[in-house]
Structure formats: structure tokens, C-alpha cells
Amino acid sequence: MAGKYPDRIKKLPQYDGRFDAYKLEAKECDVLFASYPAGTSIPPHTHDTDNHGLITRGELMLTINGEITKIGAGEWYHVPANTEHAAKFEIETDEIEFWFHEIT
């Protein structure tokens, strides 16, 4: 897996999903250190977590409600739970994502 993460992060378990990421489990939140090769596209989907992410290298083209927003390095984004969204990475990109689970 690519990415400019410290060796300590690279020793975390790998996330089993649509993209490459290291997963740090936290109470009521999953923390993912994700890397995307240039040209990666994630089709429209939803999930039941409230997601906040920080692009650490590269850029994300995030589509929500038909509106595309470019998120660059050093910028945060938010995808509310159960909101359809899609992602495209035209250049190599790394990010840290926080997937907050609903408290019941």
C-alpha cells in the first residue's frame, strides 16, 4: 500500500473495503489512514457513519447532491450519515478519515 504515513501507522490493521487504508479503532469511531492512486473513482454510495476527513496529500473531488467540490491538501470535508456521495482522485492522494458511529 502506498502513502507517506509513519511506520507506526503502517503497522495498523488494513481496512477491508473499496480502497486501501490503515484502520485505527476508537470508541464509537473508526479512524482510517487512506491512500488512493491517481485515477481512483469510488461510485455513489451511502453509509451509516458521519464522516469527517482531512486531505494530507493530493486532492479529492467529492460529489454530494450533484455538486462537485475540490478538497485539497490541508482541507477538511464532511459527509453526513446516510448521504449519497461519490469520490474521485485524479492525482495520488492520502487522507485521514474519521467515521463516527451513531450512539444508540
N, C-alpha and C. Protein backbone atom coordinates (compact mmCIF):
# COMPACT_ATOMS: atom_id res chain seq x y z
N MET A 1 0.84 -1.18 0.00
CA MET A 1 0.00 0.00 0.00
C MET A 1 0.89 1.24 0.00
N ALA A 2 0.54 2.20 -0.81
CA ALA A 2 1.30 3.45 -0.91
C ALA A 2 0.95 4.36 0.26
N GLY A 3 1.47 5.55 0.23
CA GLY A 3 1.15 6.53 1.25
C GLY A 3 2.38 6.93 2.03
N LYS A 4 2.40 8.15 2.49
CA LYS A 4 3.54 8.71 3.21
C LYS A 4 3.30 8.69 4.71
N TYR A 5 2.71 7.62 5.22
CA TYR A 5 2.40 7.54 6.64
C TYR A 5 3.60 7.00 7.41
N PRO A 6 3.74 7.39 8.69
CA PRO A 6 4.83 6.87 9.52
C PRO A 6 4.73 5.34 9.66
N ASP A 7 5.87 4.70 9.94
CA ASP A 7 5.89 3.25 10.10
C ASP A 7 4.90 2.77 11.15
N ARG A 8 4.72 3.53 12.20
CA ARG A 8 3.78 3.15 13.27
C ARG A 8 2.37 3.02 12.71
N ILE A 9 1.96 3.94 11.85
CA ILE A 9 0.63 3.88 11.22
C ILE A 9 0.56 2.67 10.29
N LYS A 10 1.63 2.41 9.56
CA LYS A 10 1.64 1.29 8.60
C LYS A 10 1.55 -0.07 9.28
N LYS A 11 1.74 -0.12 10.60
CA LYS A 11 1.62 -1.38 11.34
C LYS A 11 0.18 -1.65 11.79
N LEU A 12 -0.72 -0.68 11.59
CA LEU A 12 -2.12 -0.87 11.95
C LEU A 12 -2.77 -1.88 11.00
N PRO A 13 -3.89 -2.51 11.40
CA PRO A 13 -4.59 -3.43 10.50
C PRO A 13 -5.07 -2.71 9.24
N GLN A 14 -5.11 -3.45 8.14
CA GLN A 14 -5.62 -2.86 6.90
C GLN A 14 -7.14 -2.93 6.89
N TYR A 15 -7.73 -1.84 6.39
CA TYR A 15 -9.18 -1.75 6.22
C TYR A 15 -9.61 -2.66 5.08
N ASP A 16 -10.70 -3.38 5.25
CA ASP A 16 -11.22 -4.29 4.23
C ASP A 16 -12.41 -3.62 3.55
N GLY A 17 -12.12 -2.83 2.50
CA GLY A 17 -13.18 -2.10 1.82
C GLY A 17 -12.79 -1.74 0.40
N ARG A 18 -13.42 -0.69 -0.14
CA ARG A 18 -13.25 -0.30 -1.54
C ARG A 18 -11.96 0.44 -1.83
N PHE A 19 -11.15 0.72 -0.82
CA PHE A 19 -9.90 1.46 -1.02
C PHE A 19 -8.89 0.98 0.01
N ASP A 20 -7.63 1.34 -0.17
CA ASP A 20 -6.56 0.95 0.74
C ASP A 20 -6.50 1.93 1.91
N ALA A 21 -6.47 1.39 3.13
CA ALA A 21 -6.38 2.24 4.31
C ALA A 21 -5.88 1.41 5.49
N TYR A 22 -5.24 2.09 6.42
CA TYR A 22 -4.91 1.50 7.71
C TYR A 22 -6.00 1.93 8.68
N LYS A 23 -6.44 1.02 9.54
CA LYS A 23 -7.58 1.29 10.40
C LYS A 23 -7.15 1.35 11.86
N LEU A 24 -7.48 2.45 12.52
CA LEU A 24 -7.26 2.62 13.95
C LEU A 24 -8.63 2.63 14.61
N GLU A 25 -8.93 1.61 15.38
CA GLU A 25 -10.23 1.54 16.02
C GLU A 25 -10.25 2.44 17.25
N ALA A 26 -11.32 3.18 17.39
CA ALA A 26 -11.51 4.07 18.53
C ALA A 26 -12.96 3.91 18.99
N LYS A 27 -13.23 4.24 20.24
CA LYS A 27 -14.58 4.10 20.76
C LYS A 27 -15.54 4.96 19.96
N GLU A 28 -16.56 4.33 19.37
CA GLU A 28 -17.62 4.97 18.59
C GLU A 28 -17.11 5.68 17.33
N CYS A 29 -15.90 5.34 16.89
CA CYS A 29 -15.33 5.97 15.69
C CYS A 29 -14.26 5.06 15.11
N ASP A 30 -14.25 4.92 13.78
CA ASP A 30 -13.14 4.28 13.10
C ASP A 30 -12.29 5.39 12.50
N VAL A 31 -10.98 5.24 12.58
CA VAL A 31 -10.06 6.20 12.00
C VAL A 31 -9.29 5.47 10.90
N LEU A 32 -9.37 6.00 9.68
CA LEU A 32 -8.71 5.37 8.54
C LEU A 32 -7.63 6.29 7.98
N PHE A 33 -6.47 5.72 7.69
CA PHE A 33 -5.38 6.41 7.02
C PHE A 33 -5.35 5.85 5.61
N ALA A 34 -5.95 6.55 4.68
CA ALA A 34 -6.22 6.02 3.34
C ALA A 34 -5.31 6.62 2.28
N SER A 35 -5.00 5.79 1.27
CA SER A 35 -4.21 6.22 0.12
C SER A 35 -4.93 5.81 -1.16
N TYR A 36 -4.94 6.70 -2.13
CA TYR A 36 -5.63 6.46 -3.39
C TYR A 36 -4.69 6.73 -4.55
N PRO A 37 -4.46 5.75 -5.43
CA PRO A 37 -3.67 6.01 -6.62
C PRO A 37 -4.39 6.99 -7.55
N ALA A 38 -3.64 7.69 -8.36
CA ALA A 38 -4.24 8.58 -9.37
C ALA A 38 -5.24 7.80 -10.21
N GLY A 39 -6.39 8.40 -10.46
CA GLY A 39 -7.41 7.75 -11.28
C GLY A 39 -8.42 6.93 -10.49
N THR A 40 -8.28 6.86 -9.19
CA THR A 40 -9.24 6.11 -8.36
C THR A 40 -10.60 6.81 -8.38
N SER A 41 -11.65 6.01 -8.55
CA SER A 41 -13.01 6.53 -8.55
C SER A 41 -13.87 5.63 -7.67
N ILE A 42 -14.59 6.22 -6.73
CA ILE A 42 -15.50 5.48 -5.87
C ILE A 42 -16.91 5.90 -6.25
N PRO A 43 -17.72 4.96 -6.76
CA PRO A 43 -19.06 5.30 -7.25
C PRO A 43 -19.99 5.76 -6.13
N PRO A 44 -21.13 6.36 -6.50
CA PRO A 44 -22.09 6.83 -5.50
C PRO A 44 -22.47 5.72 -4.51
N HIS A 45 -22.51 6.09 -3.23
CA HIS A 45 -22.85 5.15 -2.17
C HIS A 45 -23.23 5.91 -0.91
N THR A 46 -23.75 5.20 0.06
CA THR A 46 -24.08 5.78 1.37
C THR A 46 -23.52 4.86 2.45
N HIS A 47 -23.42 5.38 3.65
CA HIS A 47 -23.10 4.57 4.81
C HIS A 47 -23.72 5.23 6.04
N ASP A 48 -23.79 4.46 7.11
CA ASP A 48 -24.48 4.97 8.30
C ASP A 48 -23.55 5.67 9.28
N THR A 49 -22.36 6.06 8.83
CA THR A 49 -21.44 6.79 9.68
C THR A 49 -21.39 8.26 9.25
N ASP A 50 -21.13 9.13 10.21
CA ASP A 50 -20.95 10.56 9.96
C ASP A 50 -19.46 10.76 9.73
N ASN A 51 -19.06 11.07 8.50
CA ASN A 51 -17.65 11.10 8.15
C ASN A 51 -17.07 12.50 8.06
N HIS A 52 -15.89 12.65 8.64
CA HIS A 52 -15.09 13.87 8.52
C HIS A 52 -13.73 13.42 8.02
N GLY A 53 -13.16 14.14 7.06
CA GLY A 53 -11.87 13.75 6.54
C GLY A 53 -10.95 14.93 6.34
N LEU A 54 -9.65 14.66 6.38
CA LEU A 54 -8.61 15.65 6.15
C LEU A 54 -7.70 15.13 5.05
N ILE A 55 -7.61 15.88 3.96
CA ILE A 55 -6.70 15.51 2.88
C ILE A 55 -5.30 15.93 3.30
N THR A 56 -4.36 14.98 3.31
CA THR A 56 -3.00 15.29 3.73
C THR A 56 -2.03 15.42 2.56
N ARG A 57 -2.41 14.89 1.40
CA ARG A 57 -1.61 14.99 0.17
C ARG A 57 -2.54 14.78 -0.99
N GLY A 58 -2.39 15.57 -2.04
CA GLY A 58 -3.22 15.40 -3.23
C GLY A 58 -4.52 16.16 -3.13
N GLU A 59 -5.59 15.59 -3.74
CA GLU A 59 -6.89 16.25 -3.71
C GLU A 59 -8.01 15.26 -3.96
N LEU A 60 -9.16 15.61 -3.44
CA LEU A 60 -10.38 14.82 -3.56
C LEU A 60 -11.42 15.64 -4.32
N MET A 61 -12.05 15.01 -5.30
CA MET A 61 -13.20 15.59 -5.97
C MET A 61 -14.42 14.87 -5.37
N LEU A 62 -15.12 15.56 -4.48
CA LEU A 62 -16.23 14.98 -3.73
C LEU A 62 -17.55 15.44 -4.32
N THR A 63 -18.42 14.49 -4.65
CA THR A 63 -19.74 14.80 -5.20
C THR A 63 -20.82 14.47 -4.17
N ILE A 64 -21.59 15.50 -3.80
CA ILE A 64 -22.75 15.33 -2.90
C ILE A 64 -23.90 16.12 -3.52
N ASN A 65 -25.05 15.46 -3.66
CA ASN A 65 -26.25 16.10 -4.25
C ASN A 65 -25.95 16.72 -5.60
N GLY A 66 -25.15 16.05 -6.41
CA GLY A 66 -24.83 16.52 -7.75
C GLY A 66 -23.81 17.65 -7.81
N GLU A 67 -23.36 18.13 -6.67
CA GLU A 67 -22.40 19.23 -6.62
C GLU A 67 -20.99 18.68 -6.34
N ILE A 68 -20.03 19.04 -7.20
CA ILE A 68 -18.66 18.59 -7.05
C ILE A 68 -17.86 19.67 -6.33
N THR A 69 -17.14 19.24 -5.28
CA THR A 69 -16.29 20.14 -4.52
C THR A 69 -14.87 19.59 -4.53
N LYS A 70 -13.90 20.43 -4.84
CA LYS A 70 -12.49 20.04 -4.81
C LYS A 70 -11.94 20.31 -3.42
N ILE A 71 -11.43 19.26 -2.77
CA ILE A 71 -10.87 19.35 -1.43
C ILE A 71 -9.37 19.11 -1.56
N GLY A 72 -8.55 20.10 -1.21
CA GLY A 72 -7.11 20.00 -1.37
C GLY A 72 -6.40 19.65 -0.07
N ALA A 73 -5.09 19.47 -0.18
CA ALA A 73 -4.27 19.14 0.98
C ALA A 73 -4.43 20.20 2.07
N GLY A 74 -4.64 19.73 3.28
CA GLY A 74 -4.84 20.62 4.42
C GLY A 74 -6.28 21.02 4.65
N GLU A 75 -7.18 20.55 3.79
CA GLU A 75 -8.59 20.92 3.93
C GLU A 75 -9.41 19.74 4.47
N TRP A 76 -10.43 20.09 5.26
CA TRP A 76 -11.36 19.13 5.82
C TRP A 76 -12.62 19.05 4.96
N TYR A 77 -13.29 17.90 5.01
CA TYR A 77 -14.62 17.77 4.41
C TYR A 77 -15.51 16.98 5.36
N HIS A 78 -16.82 17.04 5.09
CA HIS A 78 -17.80 16.34 5.91
C HIS A 78 -18.84 15.69 5.01
N VAL A 79 -19.14 14.41 5.27
CA VAL A 79 -20.23 13.71 4.61
C VAL A 79 -21.15 13.18 5.70
N PRO A 80 -22.35 13.78 5.84
CA PRO A 80 -23.28 13.32 6.87
C PRO A 80 -23.71 11.87 6.65
N ALA A 81 -24.08 11.20 7.71
CA ALA A 81 -24.56 9.82 7.63
C ALA A 81 -25.73 9.73 6.66
N ASN A 82 -25.79 8.61 5.94
CA ASN A 82 -26.87 8.29 5.01
C ASN A 82 -27.02 9.29 3.87
N THR A 83 -25.95 9.98 3.52
CA THR A 83 -25.95 10.92 2.40
C THR A 83 -25.22 10.29 1.22
N GLU A 84 -25.90 10.21 0.07
CA GLU A 84 -25.23 9.64 -1.10
C GLU A 84 -24.10 10.57 -1.55
N HIS A 85 -22.96 9.96 -1.83
CA HIS A 85 -21.79 10.73 -2.28
C HIS A 85 -20.89 9.83 -3.12
N ALA A 86 -20.01 10.48 -3.88
CA ALA A 86 -19.04 9.78 -4.71
C ALA A 86 -17.71 10.51 -4.58
N ALA A 87 -16.62 9.81 -4.90
CA ALA A 87 -15.30 10.41 -4.77
C ALA A 87 -14.45 10.07 -5.99
N LYS A 88 -13.60 11.02 -6.37
CA LYS A 88 -12.67 10.80 -7.47
C LYS A 88 -11.33 11.42 -7.07
N PHE A 89 -10.27 10.69 -7.36
CA PHE A 89 -8.91 11.13 -7.04
C PHE A 89 -8.11 11.15 -8.34
N GLU A 90 -7.92 12.32 -8.91
CA GLU A 90 -7.23 12.44 -10.19
C GLU A 90 -5.71 12.35 -10.03
N ILE A 91 -5.20 12.66 -8.83
CA ILE A 91 -3.77 12.53 -8.53
C ILE A 91 -3.63 11.69 -7.26
N GLU A 92 -2.42 11.15 -7.01
CA GLU A 92 -2.19 10.36 -5.80
C GLU A 92 -2.59 11.19 -4.58
N THR A 93 -3.36 10.57 -3.70
CA THR A 93 -3.92 11.29 -2.57
C THR A 93 -3.87 10.44 -1.31
N ASP A 94 -3.58 11.09 -0.18
CA ASP A 94 -3.65 10.46 1.13
C ASP A 94 -4.63 11.28 1.97
N GLU A 95 -5.29 10.60 2.89
CA GLU A 95 -6.20 11.30 3.79
C GLU A 95 -6.34 10.55 5.10
N ILE A 96 -6.83 11.26 6.10
CA ILE A 96 -7.22 10.67 7.37
C ILE A 96 -8.72 10.87 7.48
N GLU A 97 -9.44 9.77 7.68
CA GLU A 97 -10.90 9.83 7.77
C GLU A 97 -11.37 9.38 9.15
N PHE A 98 -12.37 10.06 9.66
CA PHE A 98 -12.99 9.72 10.93
C PHE A 98 -14.43 9.31 10.62
N TRP A 99 -14.76 8.05 10.89
CA TRP A 99 -16.10 7.53 10.63
C TRP A 99 -16.80 7.37 11.98
N PHE A 100 -17.63 8.35 12.34
CA PHE A 100 -18.32 8.34 13.63
C PHE A 100 -19.60 7.52 13.55
N HIS A 101 -19.73 6.56 14.47
CA HIS A 101 -20.91 5.69 14.55
C HIS A 101 -21.98 6.38 15.39
N GLU A 102 -23.22 6.15 15.03
CA GLU A 102 -24.33 6.70 15.79
C GLU A 102 -24.35 6.06 17.17
N ILE A 103 -24.58 6.85 18.18
CA ILE A 103 -24.69 6.35 19.54
C ILE A 103 -26.15 6.01 19.82
N THR A 104 -26.41 4.76 20.21
CA THR A 104 -27.80 4.37 20.47
C THR A 104 -28.00 4.01 21.92
